[in-house]
Amino acid sequence: MIESDWYFLLDTALMHDAMWSKGQWTLAAEVRLRVAKFGATPEDRARLRLVFADADEKDSKRPPVQETARQRYGDLRVLPGVNRPDGAAENA
């Protein structure tokens, strides 16, 4: 999703909140249309022709990992002069 999609969904969430917390039921149709655009129900997903991959099946077919991330990247160190996340400067 791109940034404008998130703004669209944020606006939709605010409308949804106004509908339920303030009783602004005139927003219901707009909320329904906006939510449908993102495939909220099985019918919406069918209309949009959205298909979700079966990740579990694909993961079971993947070859096992030969080495761990710690084994691959365990020798990485902070460069001299670079600030550490805790705010202290690295002296080594």
PDB file of N, CA and C in Angstrom:
ATOM      1  N   MET A   1       0.845  -1.181   0.000  1.00  0.00           N
ATOM      2  CA  MET A   1       0.000   0.000   0.000  1.00  0.00           C
ATOM      3  C   MET A   1       0.883   1.234   0.000  1.00  0.00           C
ATOM      4  N   ILE A   2       0.370   2.271  -0.606  1.00  0.00           N
ATOM      5  CA  ILE A   2       1.113   3.519  -0.660  1.00  0.00           C
ATOM      6  C   ILE A   2       0.537   4.502   0.354  1.00  0.00           C
ATOM      7  N   GLU A   3       1.238   5.604   0.533  1.00  0.00           N
ATOM      8  CA  GLU A   3       0.874   6.576   1.570  1.00  0.00           C
ATOM      9  C   GLU A   3      -0.568   7.058   1.440  1.00  0.00           C
ATOM     10  N   SER A   4      -1.008   7.333   0.212  1.00  0.00           N
ATOM     11  CA  SER A   4      -2.372   7.837   0.037  1.00  0.00           C
ATOM     12  C   SER A   4      -3.413   6.793   0.447  1.00  0.00           C
ATOM     13  N   ASP A   5      -3.086   5.494   0.300  1.00  0.00           N
ATOM     14  CA  ASP A   5      -3.993   4.443   0.763  1.00  0.00           C
ATOM     15  C   ASP A   5      -4.173   4.523   2.275  1.00  0.00           C
ATOM     16  N   TRP A   6      -3.078   4.757   2.985  1.00  0.00           N
ATOM     17  CA  TRP A   6      -3.158   4.853   4.445  1.00  0.00           C
ATOM     18  C   TRP A   6      -3.994   6.057   4.869  1.00  0.00           C
ATOM     19  N   TYR A   7      -3.842   7.185   4.169  1.00  0.00           N
ATOM     20  CA  TYR A   7      -4.663   8.358   4.485  1.00  0.00           C
ATOM     21  C   TYR A   7      -6.138   8.072   4.220  1.00  0.00           C
ATOM     22  N   PHE A   8      -6.417   7.368   3.126  1.00  0.00           N
ATOM     23  CA  PHE A   8      -7.786   6.983   2.792  1.00  0.00           C
ATOM     24  C   PHE A   8      -8.376   6.124   3.907  1.00  0.00           C
ATOM     25  N   LEU A   9      -7.589   5.142   4.378  1.00  0.00           N
ATOM     26  CA  LEU A   9      -8.065   4.274   5.453  1.00  0.00           C
ATOM     27  C   LEU A   9      -8.202   5.023   6.776  1.00  0.00           C
ATOM     28  N   LEU A  10      -7.316   5.981   7.030  1.00  0.00           N
ATOM     29  CA  LEU A  10      -7.434   6.793   8.241  1.00  0.00           C
ATOM     30  C   LEU A  10      -8.720   7.609   8.212  1.00  0.00           C
ATOM     31  N   ASP A  11      -9.008   8.234   7.076  1.00  0.00           N
ATOM     32  CA  ASP A  11     -10.265   8.976   6.942  1.00  0.00           C
ATOM     33  C   ASP A  11     -11.463   8.056   7.144  1.00  0.00           C
ATOM     34  N   THR A  12     -11.371   6.861   6.597  1.00  0.00           N
ATOM     35  CA  THR A  12     -12.453   5.890   6.747  1.00  0.00           C
ATOM     36  C   THR A  12     -12.632   5.514   8.216  1.00  0.00           C
ATOM     37  N   ALA A  13     -11.527   5.326   8.927  1.00  0.00           N
ATOM     38  CA  ALA A  13     -11.603   4.987  10.350  1.00  0.00           C
ATOM     39  C   ALA A  13     -12.239   6.122  11.149  1.00  0.00           C
ATOM     40  N   LEU A  14     -11.910   7.355  10.799  1.00  0.00           N
ATOM     41  CA  LEU A  14     -12.509   8.499  11.499  1.00  0.00           C
ATOM     42  C   LEU A  14     -14.011   8.571  11.232  1.00  0.00           C
ATOM     43  N   MET A  15     -14.411   8.278  10.000  1.00  0.00           N
ATOM     44  CA  MET A  15     -15.847   8.239   9.685  1.00  0.00           C
ATOM     45  C   MET A  15     -16.532   7.126  10.470  1.00  0.00           C
ATOM     46  N   HIS A  16     -15.878   5.981  10.554  1.00  0.00           N
ATOM     47  CA  HIS A  16     -16.425   4.846  11.297  1.00  0.00           C
ATOM     48  C   HIS A  16     -16.602   5.215  12.769  1.00  0.00           C
ATOM     49  N   ASP A  17     -15.603   5.890  13.324  1.00  0.00           N
ATOM     50  CA  ASP A  17     -15.689   6.331  14.717  1.00  0.00           C
ATOM     51  C   ASP A  17     -16.839   7.317  14.913  1.00  0.00           C
ATOM     52  N   ALA A  18     -16.967   8.278  14.001  1.00  0.00           N
ATOM     53  CA  ALA A  18     -18.054   9.259  14.111  1.00  0.00           C
ATOM     54  C   ALA A  18     -19.411   8.571  13.997  1.00  0.00           C
ATOM     55  N   MET A  19     -19.471   7.576  13.156  1.00  0.00           N
ATOM     56  CA  MET A  19     -20.723   6.849  12.976  1.00  0.00           C
ATOM     57  C   MET A  19     -21.133   6.150  14.275  1.00  0.00           C
ATOM     58  N   TRP A  20     -20.194   5.451  14.905  1.00  0.00           N
ATOM     59  CA  TRP A  20     -20.540   4.671  16.082  1.00  0.00           C
ATOM     60  C   TRP A  20     -20.533   5.482  17.370  1.00  0.00           C
ATOM     61  N   SER A  21     -19.620   6.425  17.523  1.00  0.00           N
ATOM     62  CA  SER A  21     -19.546   7.156  18.795  1.00  0.00           C
ATOM     63  C   SER A  21     -20.491   8.348  18.849  1.00  0.00           C
ATOM     64  N   LYS A  22     -20.777   8.943  17.694  1.00  0.00           N
ATOM     65  CA  LYS A  22     -21.627  10.139  17.671  1.00  0.00           C
ATOM     66  C   LYS A  22     -22.970   9.896  16.994  1.00  0.00           C
ATOM     67  N   GLY A  23     -23.187   8.675  16.535  1.00  0.00           N
ATOM     68  CA  GLY A  23     -24.462   8.342  15.909  1.00  0.00           C
ATOM     69  C   GLY A  23     -24.689   9.001  14.560  1.00  0.00           C
ATOM     70  N   GLN A  24     -23.637   9.321  13.849  1.00  0.00           N
ATOM     71  CA  GLN A  24     -23.772   9.942  12.524  1.00  0.00           C
ATOM     72  C   GLN A  24     -23.978   8.840  11.480  1.00  0.00           C
ATOM     73  N   TRP A  25     -25.181   8.275  11.474  1.00  0.00           N
ATOM     74  CA  TRP A  25     -25.481   7.116  10.640  1.00  0.00           C
ATOM     75  C   TRP A  25     -25.524   7.452   9.158  1.00  0.00           C
ATOM     76  N   THR A  26     -25.527   8.728   8.816  1.00  0.00           N
ATOM     77  CA  THR A  26     -25.492   9.101   7.397  1.00  0.00           C
ATOM     78  C   THR A  26     -24.154   8.724   6.767  1.00  0.00           C
ATOM     79  N   LEU A  27     -23.142   8.443   7.582  1.00  0.00           N
ATOM     80  CA  LEU A  27     -21.830   8.044   7.073  1.00  0.00           C
ATOM     81  C   LEU A  27     -21.750   6.555   6.748  1.00  0.00           C
ATOM     82  N   ALA A  28     -22.763   5.786   7.135  1.00  0.00           N
ATOM     83  CA  ALA A  28     -22.696   4.329   6.995  1.00  0.00           C
ATOM     84  C   ALA A  28     -22.479   3.890   5.551  1.00  0.00           C
ATOM     85  N   ALA A  29     -23.175   4.476   4.611  1.00  0.00           N
ATOM     86  CA  ALA A  29     -23.034   4.071   3.206  1.00  0.00           C
ATOM     87  C   ALA A  29     -21.628   4.365   2.694  1.00  0.00           C
ATOM     88  N   GLU A  30     -21.098   5.518   3.055  1.00  0.00           N
ATOM     89  CA  GLU A  30     -19.746   5.876   2.606  1.00  0.00           C
ATOM     90  C   GLU A  30     -18.703   4.952   3.223  1.00  0.00           C
ATOM     91  N   VAL A  31     -18.863   4.635   4.500  1.00  0.00           N
ATOM     92  CA  VAL A  31     -17.931   3.720   5.159  1.00  0.00           C
ATOM     93  C   VAL A  31     -17.987   2.353   4.481  1.00  0.00           C
ATOM     94  N   ARG A  32     -19.192   1.881   4.182  1.00  0.00           N
ATOM     95  CA  ARG A  32     -19.337   0.583   3.521  1.00  0.00           C
ATOM     96  C   ARG A  32     -18.624   0.574   2.177  1.00  0.00           C
ATOM     97  N   LEU A  33     -18.792   1.619   1.377  1.00  0.00           N
ATOM     98  CA  LEU A  33     -18.141   1.695   0.065  1.00  0.00           C
ATOM     99  C   LEU A  33     -16.624   1.757   0.195  1.00  0.00           C
ATOM    100  N   ARG A  34     -16.150   2.549   1.151  1.00  0.00           N
ATOM    101  CA  ARG A  34     -14.703   2.697   1.325  1.00  0.00           C
ATOM    102  C   ARG A  34     -14.067   1.387   1.795  1.00  0.00           C
ATOM    103  N   VAL A  35     -14.706   0.713   2.721  1.00  0.00           N
ATOM    104  CA  VAL A  35     -14.171  -0.542   3.240  1.00  0.00           C
ATOM    105  C   VAL A  35     -14.169  -1.610   2.143  1.00  0.00           C
ATOM    106  N   ALA A  36     -15.193  -1.607   1.305  1.00  0.00           N
ATOM    107  CA  ALA A  36     -15.283  -2.587   0.216  1.00  0.00           C
ATOM    108  C   ALA A  36     -14.133  -2.439  -0.771  1.00  0.00           C
ATOM    109  N   LYS A  37     -13.638  -1.227  -0.949  1.00  0.00           N
ATOM    110  CA  LYS A  37     -12.537  -1.004  -1.892  1.00  0.00           C
ATOM    111  C   LYS A  37     -11.261  -1.715  -1.470  1.00  0.00           C
ATOM    112  N   PHE A  38     -11.157  -2.076  -0.196  1.00  0.00           N
ATOM    113  CA  PHE A  38      -9.964  -2.752   0.301  1.00  0.00           C
ATOM    114  C   PHE A  38     -10.203  -4.232   0.585  1.00  0.00           C
ATOM    115  N   GLY A  39     -11.331  -4.769   0.107  1.00  0.00           N
ATOM    116  CA  GLY A  39     -11.567  -6.202   0.213  1.00  0.00           C
ATOM    117  C   GLY A  39     -11.848  -6.683   1.619  1.00  0.00           C
ATOM    118  N   ALA A  40     -12.749  -6.006   2.323  1.00  0.00           N
ATOM    119  CA  ALA A  40     -13.010  -6.337   3.721  1.00  0.00           C
ATOM    120  C   ALA A  40     -13.785  -7.641   3.895  1.00  0.00           C
ATOM    121  N   THR A  41     -14.652  -7.985   2.961  1.00  0.00           N
ATOM    122  CA  THR A  41     -15.460  -9.196   3.085  1.00  0.00           C
ATOM    123  C   THR A  41     -15.085 -10.185   1.985  1.00  0.00           C
ATOM    124  N   PRO A  42     -15.469 -11.448   2.133  1.00  0.00           N
ATOM    125  CA  PRO A  42     -15.203 -12.411   1.057  1.00  0.00           C
ATOM    126  C   PRO A  42     -15.811 -11.975  -0.280  1.00  0.00           C
ATOM    127  N   GLU A  43     -16.998 -11.372  -0.241  1.00  0.00           N
ATOM    128  CA  GLU A  43     -17.625 -10.898  -1.474  1.00  0.00           C
ATOM    129  C   GLU A  43     -16.803  -9.785  -2.113  1.00  0.00           C
ATOM    130  N   ASP A  44     -16.283  -8.880  -1.292  1.00  0.00           N
ATOM    131  CA  ASP A  44     -15.438  -7.795  -1.812  1.00  0.00           C
ATOM    132  C   ASP A  44     -14.179  -8.359  -2.457  1.00  0.00           C
ATOM    133  N   ARG A  45     -13.562  -9.345  -1.795  1.00  0.00           N
ATOM    134  CA  ARG A  45     -12.345  -9.939  -2.349  1.00  0.00           C
ATOM    135  C   ARG A  45     -12.622 -10.667  -3.659  1.00  0.00           C
ATOM    136  N   ALA A  46     -13.784 -11.324  -3.760  1.00  0.00           N
ATOM    137  CA  ALA A  46     -14.149 -11.997  -5.010  1.00  0.00           C
ATOM    138  C   ALA A  46     -14.357 -10.966  -6.115  1.00  0.00           C
ATOM    139  N   ARG A  47     -15.018  -9.866  -5.806  1.00  0.00           N
ATOM    140  CA  ARG A  47     -15.256  -8.818  -6.796  1.00  0.00           C
ATOM    141  C   ARG A  47     -13.946  -8.201  -7.255  1.00  0.00           C
ATOM    142  N   LEU A  48     -13.011  -8.030  -6.328  1.00  0.00           N
ATOM    143  CA  LEU A  48     -11.705  -7.461  -6.662  1.00  0.00           C
ATOM    144  C   LEU A  48     -10.747  -8.506  -7.235  1.00  0.00           C
ATOM    145  N   ARG A  49     -11.177  -9.769  -7.230  1.00  0.00           N
ATOM    146  CA  ARG A  49     -10.351 -10.893  -7.702  1.00  0.00           C
ATOM    147  C   ARG A  49      -9.044 -11.006  -6.921  1.00  0.00           C
ATOM    148  N   LEU A  50      -9.142 -10.791  -5.610  1.00  0.00           N
ATOM    149  CA  LEU A  50      -7.971 -10.936  -4.749  1.00  0.00           C
ATOM    150  C   LEU A  50      -7.777 -12.404  -4.399  1.00  0.00           C
ATOM    151  N   VAL A  51      -6.551 -12.853  -4.461  1.00  0.00           N
ATOM    152  CA  VAL A  51      -6.217 -14.228  -4.106  1.00  0.00           C
ATOM    153  C   VAL A  51      -5.053 -14.178  -3.128  1.00  0.00           C
ATOM    154  N   PHE A  52      -5.172 -14.918  -2.037  1.00  0.00           N
ATOM    155  CA  PHE A  52      -4.119 -14.960  -1.037  1.00  0.00           C
ATOM    156  C   PHE A  52      -3.362 -16.272  -1.170  1.00  0.00           C
ATOM    157  N   ALA A  53      -2.060 -16.185  -1.206  1.00  0.00           N
ATOM    158  CA  ALA A  53      -1.223 -17.378  -1.322  1.00  0.00           C
ATOM    159  C   ALA A  53      -1.260 -18.163  -0.026  1.00  0.00           C
ATOM    160  N   ASP A  54      -1.124 -19.446  -0.145  1.00  0.00           N
ATOM    161  CA  ASP A  54      -1.078 -20.308   1.026  1.00  0.00           C
ATOM    162  C   ASP A  54       0.364 -20.376   1.510  1.00  0.00           C
ATOM    163  N   ALA A  55       0.709 -19.518   2.434  1.00  0.00           N
ATOM    164  CA  ALA A  55       2.097 -19.393   2.895  1.00  0.00           C
ATOM    165  C   ALA A  55       2.582 -20.656   3.590  1.00  0.00           C
ATOM    166  N   ASP A  56       1.731 -21.313   4.356  1.00  0.00           N
ATOM    167  CA  ASP A  56       2.163 -22.520   5.068  1.00  0.00           C
ATOM    168  C   ASP A  56       2.601 -23.602   4.088  1.00  0.00           C
ATOM    169  N   GLU A  57       1.831 -23.778   3.029  1.00  0.00           N
ATOM    170  CA  GLU A  57       2.175 -24.790   2.027  1.00  0.00           C
ATOM    171  C   GLU A  57       3.490 -24.445   1.339  1.00  0.00           C
ATOM    172  N   LYS A  58       3.663 -23.185   0.997  1.00  0.00           N
ATOM    173  CA  LYS A  58       4.892 -22.757   0.327  1.00  0.00           C
ATOM    174  C   LYS A  58       6.094 -22.871   1.266  1.00  0.00           C
ATOM    175  N   ASP A  59       5.903 -22.546   2.545  1.00  0.00           N
ATOM    176  CA  ASP A  59       7.001 -22.663   3.508  1.00  0.00           C
ATOM    177  C   ASP A  59       7.449 -24.114   3.676  1.00  0.00           C
ATOM    178  N   SER A  60       6.501 -25.048   3.629  1.00  0.00           N
ATOM    179  CA  SER A  60       6.876 -26.452   3.798  1.00  0.00           C
ATOM    180  C   SER A  60       7.692 -26.963   2.615  1.00  0.00           C
ATOM    181  N   LYS A  61       7.558 -26.326   1.449  1.00  0.00           N
ATOM    182  CA  LYS A  61       8.317 -26.728   0.263  1.00  0.00           C
ATOM    183  C   LYS A  61       9.684 -26.053   0.185  1.00  0.00           C
ATOM    184  N   ARG A  62       9.903 -25.053   1.016  1.00  0.00           N
ATOM    185  CA  ARG A  62      11.164 -24.316   1.009  1.00  0.00           C
ATOM    186  C   ARG A  62      12.270 -25.176   1.614  1.00  0.00           C
ATOM    187  N   PRO A  63      13.465 -25.143   1.023  1.00  0.00           N
ATOM    188  CA  PRO A  63      14.558 -25.930   1.611  1.00  0.00           C
ATOM    189  C   PRO A  63      14.929 -25.387   2.995  1.00  0.00           C
ATOM    190  N   PRO A  64      15.392 -26.255   3.884  1.00  0.00           N
ATOM    191  CA  PRO A  64      15.738 -25.794   5.237  1.00  0.00           C
ATOM    192  C   PRO A  64      16.903 -24.806   5.203  1.00  0.00           C
ATOM    193  N   VAL A  65      16.900 -23.910   6.163  1.00  0.00           N
ATOM    194  CA  VAL A  65      17.961 -22.910   6.272  1.00  0.00           C
ATOM    195  C   VAL A  65      19.241 -23.601   6.722  1.00  0.00           C
ATOM    196  N   GLN A  66      20.320 -23.328   6.025  1.00  0.00           N
ATOM    197  CA  GLN A  66      21.595 -23.978   6.330  1.00  0.00           C
ATOM    198  C   GLN A  66      22.314 -23.326   7.509  1.00  0.00           C
ATOM    199  N   GLU A  67      22.183 -22.019   7.640  1.00  0.00           N
ATOM    200  CA  GLU A  67      22.847 -21.317   8.733  1.00  0.00           C
ATOM    201  C   GLU A  67      21.907 -20.259   9.299  1.00  0.00           C
ATOM    202  N   THR A  68      22.132 -19.899  10.538  1.00  0.00           N
ATOM    203  CA  THR A  68      21.287 -18.910  11.190  1.00  0.00           C
ATOM    204  C   THR A  68      21.775 -17.504  10.874  1.00  0.00           C
ATOM    205  N   ALA A  69      20.942 -16.536  11.145  1.00  0.00           N
ATOM    206  CA  ALA A  69      21.328 -15.139  10.945  1.00  0.00           C
ATOM    207  C   ALA A  69      22.518 -14.785  11.835  1.00  0.00           C
ATOM    208  N   ARG A  70      22.569 -15.340  13.033  1.00  0.00           N
ATOM    209  CA  ARG A  70      23.695 -15.068  13.930  1.00  0.00           C
ATOM    210  C   ARG A  70      24.997 -15.598  13.329  1.00  0.00           C
ATOM    211  N   GLN A  71      24.922 -16.749  12.681  1.00  0.00           N
ATOM    212  CA  GLN A  71      26.118 -17.293  12.029  1.00  0.00           C
ATOM    213  C   GLN A  71      26.535 -16.429  10.835  1.00  0.00           C
ATOM    214  N   ARG A  72      25.563 -15.944  10.074  1.00  0.00           N
ATOM    215  CA  ARG A  72      25.881 -15.132   8.894  1.00  0.00           C
ATOM    216  C   ARG A  72      26.378 -13.746   9.263  1.00  0.00           C
ATOM    217  N   TYR A  73      25.750 -13.126  10.264  1.00  0.00           N
ATOM    218  CA  TYR A  73      26.029 -11.720  10.560  1.00  0.00           C
ATOM    219  C   TYR A  73      26.655 -11.492  11.929  1.00  0.00           C
ATOM    220  N   GLY A  74      27.036 -12.544  12.630  1.00  0.00           N
ATOM    221  CA  GLY A  74      27.556 -12.431  13.987  1.00  0.00           C
ATOM    222  C   GLY A  74      28.837 -11.630  14.116  1.00  0.00           C
ATOM    223  N   ASP A  75      29.610 -11.521  13.041  1.00  0.00           N
ATOM    224  CA  ASP A  75      30.878 -10.783  13.093  1.00  0.00           C
ATOM    225  C   ASP A  75      30.715  -9.293  12.834  1.00  0.00           C
ATOM    226  N   LEU A  76      29.509  -8.822  12.543  1.00  0.00           N
ATOM    227  CA  LEU A  76      29.308  -7.397  12.271  1.00  0.00           C
ATOM    228  C   LEU A  76      29.530  -6.577  13.535  1.00  0.00           C
ATOM    229  N   ARG A  77      30.173  -5.441  13.386  1.00  0.00           N
ATOM    230  CA  ARG A  77      30.456  -4.549  14.511  1.00  0.00           C
ATOM    231  C   ARG A  77      30.149  -3.119  14.096  1.00  0.00           C
ATOM    232  N   VAL A  78      29.953  -2.245  15.080  1.00  0.00           N
ATOM    233  CA  VAL A  78      29.719  -0.828  14.828  1.00  0.00           C
ATOM    234  C   VAL A  78      31.033  -0.186  14.413  1.00  0.00           C
ATOM    235  N   LEU A  79      30.980   0.659  13.404  1.00  0.00           N
ATOM    236  CA  LEU A  79      32.183   1.348  12.941  1.00  0.00           C
ATOM    237  C   LEU A  79      32.626   2.407  13.941  1.00  0.00           C
ATOM    238  N   PRO A  80      33.920   2.667  14.053  1.00  0.00           N
ATOM    239  CA  PRO A  80      34.406   3.714  14.961  1.00  0.00           C
ATOM    240  C   PRO A  80      33.806   5.068  14.590  1.00  0.00           C
ATOM    241  N   GLY A  81      33.446   5.824  15.613  1.00  0.00           N
ATOM    242  CA  GLY A  81      32.897   7.159  15.398  1.00  0.00           C
ATOM    243  C   GLY A  81      31.405   7.185  15.135  1.00  0.00           C
ATOM    244  N   VAL A  82      30.780   6.050  15.065  1.00  0.00           N
ATOM    245  CA  VAL A  82      29.344   5.988  14.822  1.00  0.00           C
ATOM    246  C   VAL A  82      28.638   5.904  16.165  1.00  0.00           C
ATOM    247  N   ASN A  83      27.598   6.711  16.351  1.00  0.00           N
ATOM    248  CA  ASN A  83      26.863   6.692  17.613  1.00  0.00           C
ATOM    249  C   ASN A  83      26.057   5.415  17.735  1.00  0.00           C
ATOM    250  N   ARG A  84      26.051   4.870  18.922  1.00  0.00           N
ATOM    251  CA  ARG A  84      25.263   3.681  19.192  1.00  0.00           C
ATOM    252  C   ARG A  84      23.826   4.101  19.465  1.00  0.00           C
ATOM    253  N   PRO A  85      22.872   3.160  19.339  1.00  0.00           N
ATOM    254  CA  PRO A  85      21.466   3.487  19.599  1.00  0.00           C
ATOM    255  C   PRO A  85      21.205   3.986  21.010  1.00  0.00           C
ATOM    256  N   ASP A  86      22.066   3.593  21.983  1.00  0.00           N
ATOM    257  CA  ASP A  86      21.839   4.038  23.359  1.00  0.00           C
ATOM    258  C   ASP A  86      22.377   5.444  23.615  1.00  0.00           C
ATOM    259  N   GLY A  87      22.923   6.092  22.563  1.00  0.00           N
ATOM    260  CA  GLY A  87      23.382   7.473  22.681  1.00  0.00           C
ATOM    261  C   GLY A  87      24.854   7.625  22.966  1.00  0.00           C
ATOM    262  N   ALA A  88      25.524   6.545  23.389  1.00  0.00           N
ATOM    263  CA  ALA A  88      26.958   6.621  23.687  1.00  0.00           C
ATOM    264  C   ALA A  88      27.753   6.497  22.396  1.00  0.00           C
ATOM    265  N   ALA A  89      28.886   7.158  22.329  1.00  0.00           N
ATOM    266  CA  ALA A  89      29.756   7.068  21.151  1.00  0.00           C
ATOM    267  C   ALA A  89      30.590   5.810  21.245  1.00  0.00           C
ATOM    268  N   GLU A  90      30.815   5.169  20.122  1.00  0.00           N
ATOM    269  CA  GLU A  90      31.642   3.963  20.061  1.00  0.00           C
ATOM    270  C   GLU A  90      33.104   4.375  20.052  1.00  0.00           C
ATOM    271  N   ASN A  91      33.903   3.859  20.978  1.00  0.00           N
ATOM    272  CA  ASN A  91      35.318   4.231  21.071  1.00  0.00           C
ATOM    273  C   ASN A  91      36.251   3.206  20.451  1.00  0.00           C
ATOM    274  N   ALA A  92      35.758   2.052  20.122  1.00  0.00           N
ATOM    275  CA  ALA A  92      36.644   0.997  19.613  1.00  0.00           C
ATOM    276  C   ALA A  92      36.757   1.038  18.113  1.00  0.00           C
TER     277      ALA A  92
END
